[in-house]
Amino acid sequence: MKMILRKMFAWLLDPLESGDGEFVYKPSHRTILIVMSVLFAGLATLVALLMPAGEFDYALPVLLFGGVGLLGVLVGTLGNDRAVARIWGSGVRGQGRRK
């Protein structure tokens, strides 16, 4: 099942998993990413459910928080260690310009 989902979301995972440089990853990074993503998705769901009918003033926060939550859950559950490190901003070390 995981491989089917990885193929479905390859357009999202492939850019995050590409590269061959060093990266900084700890197992706690994945756990924190999933927990924070679930909180963001829960917040978006709560706002969407409490939004008055016919009013779309809260649509942008729902889309933003929901999108961030969905991205984090997908990368946290389906992505490899490099993808999680890229989300945290420690994706590649040792590449780039050196003086």
Protein backbone atom coordinates (compact mmCIF):
# COMPACT_ATOMS: atom_id res chain seq x y z
CA MET A 1 0.00 0.00 0.00
CA LYS A 2 2.84 2.36 0.86
CA MET A 3 4.41 1.86 -2.58
CA ILE A 4 1.12 2.68 -4.30
CA LEU A 5 0.83 5.90 -2.29
CA ARG A 6 4.49 6.75 -2.99
CA LYS A 7 3.79 6.41 -6.74
CA MET A 8 0.69 8.58 -6.46
CA PHE A 9 2.63 11.34 -4.69
CA ALA A 10 5.91 10.93 -6.58
CA TRP A 11 5.51 14.44 -8.02
CA LEU A 12 5.75 15.76 -4.46
CA LEU A 13 8.30 13.35 -2.97
CA ASP A 14 10.83 13.10 -5.83
CA PRO A 15 12.15 16.70 -5.57
CA LEU A 16 12.55 16.34 -1.80
CA GLU A 17 14.29 12.97 -2.04
CA SER A 18 16.70 13.85 -4.85
CA GLY A 19 20.38 14.53 -4.31
CA ASP A 20 23.35 12.67 -2.98
CA GLY A 21 24.98 15.06 -0.51
CA GLU A 22 25.10 14.67 3.24
CA PHE A 23 22.08 15.62 5.30
CA VAL A 24 21.24 15.88 8.99
CA TYR A 25 18.44 13.56 10.13
CA LYS A 26 17.28 12.32 13.51
CA PRO A 27 14.30 10.00 14.05
CA SER A 28 12.73 12.65 16.27
CA HIS A 29 12.52 14.95 13.23
CA ARG A 30 10.02 12.60 11.59
CA THR A 31 7.96 12.27 14.79
CA ILE A 32 7.81 16.02 15.36
CA LEU A 33 6.94 16.61 11.68
CA ILE A 34 4.00 14.22 11.85
CA VAL A 35 2.72 15.60 15.17
CA MET A 36 2.95 19.22 13.99
CA SER A 37 1.31 18.34 10.68
CA VAL A 38 -1.59 16.62 12.40
CA LEU A 39 -2.02 19.73 14.59
CA PHE A 40 -2.06 21.98 11.50
CA ALA A 41 -4.55 19.72 9.71
CA GLY A 42 -6.71 19.55 12.84
CA LEU A 43 -6.70 23.32 13.14
CA ALA A 44 -7.75 23.67 9.49
CA THR A 45 -10.52 21.12 9.97
CA LEU A 46 -11.78 22.83 13.12
CA VAL A 47 -11.88 26.24 11.44
CA ALA A 48 -13.63 24.76 8.39
CA LEU A 49 -16.27 23.10 10.58
CA LEU A 50 -16.88 26.23 12.66
CA MET A 51 -16.94 28.57 9.66
CA PRO A 52 -20.42 30.11 9.22
CA ALA A 53 -22.29 28.78 6.20
CA GLY A 54 -21.89 30.90 3.10
CA GLU A 55 -18.96 32.92 4.43
CA PHE A 56 -15.58 32.31 2.89
CA ASP A 57 -13.54 34.74 4.97
CA TYR A 58 -11.69 31.83 6.57
CA ALA A 59 -10.99 29.95 3.34
CA LEU A 60 -7.39 31.14 3.00
CA PRO A 61 -6.28 30.03 6.50
CA VAL A 62 -8.08 26.71 6.01
CA LEU A 63 -6.29 26.14 2.70
CA LEU A 64 -2.89 27.20 4.05
CA PHE A 65 -3.03 25.26 7.32
CA GLY A 66 -4.64 22.28 5.62
CA GLY A 67 -2.03 22.28 2.85
CA VAL A 68 0.88 22.51 5.28
CA GLY A 69 -0.66 19.75 7.39
CA LEU A 70 -1.22 17.49 4.39
CA LEU A 71 2.30 18.08 3.06
CA GLY A 72 3.86 17.28 6.42
CA VAL A 73 1.82 14.12 6.92
CA LEU A 74 2.66 12.89 3.42
CA VAL A 75 6.37 13.55 3.76
CA GLY A 76 6.47 12.25 7.33
CA THR A 77 4.75 8.98 6.51
CA LEU A 78 5.80 8.29 2.92
CA GLY A 79 9.07 10.20 2.44
CA ASN A 80 12.57 8.93 3.09
CA ASP A 81 15.02 10.43 5.59
CA ARG A 82 16.36 12.96 3.04
CA ALA A 83 12.85 14.32 2.38
CA VAL A 84 12.24 14.82 6.10
CA ALA A 85 15.61 16.55 6.45
CA ARG A 86 14.75 18.86 3.54
CA ILE A 87 11.48 19.83 5.18
CA TRP A 88 13.45 20.75 8.32
CA GLY A 89 15.87 22.82 6.25
CA SER A 90 18.87 20.57 6.83
CA GLY A 91 18.50 18.83 3.49
CA VAL A 92 21.97 18.90 2.01
CA ARG A 93 25.28 19.63 3.64
CA GLY A 94 28.56 19.91 1.86
CA GLN A 95 27.21 21.06 -1.49
CA GLY A 96 27.27 24.54 -2.84
CA ARG A 97 29.98 27.15 -3.26
CA ARG A 98 33.06 26.95 -1.15
CA LYS A 99 35.61 29.69 -0.86
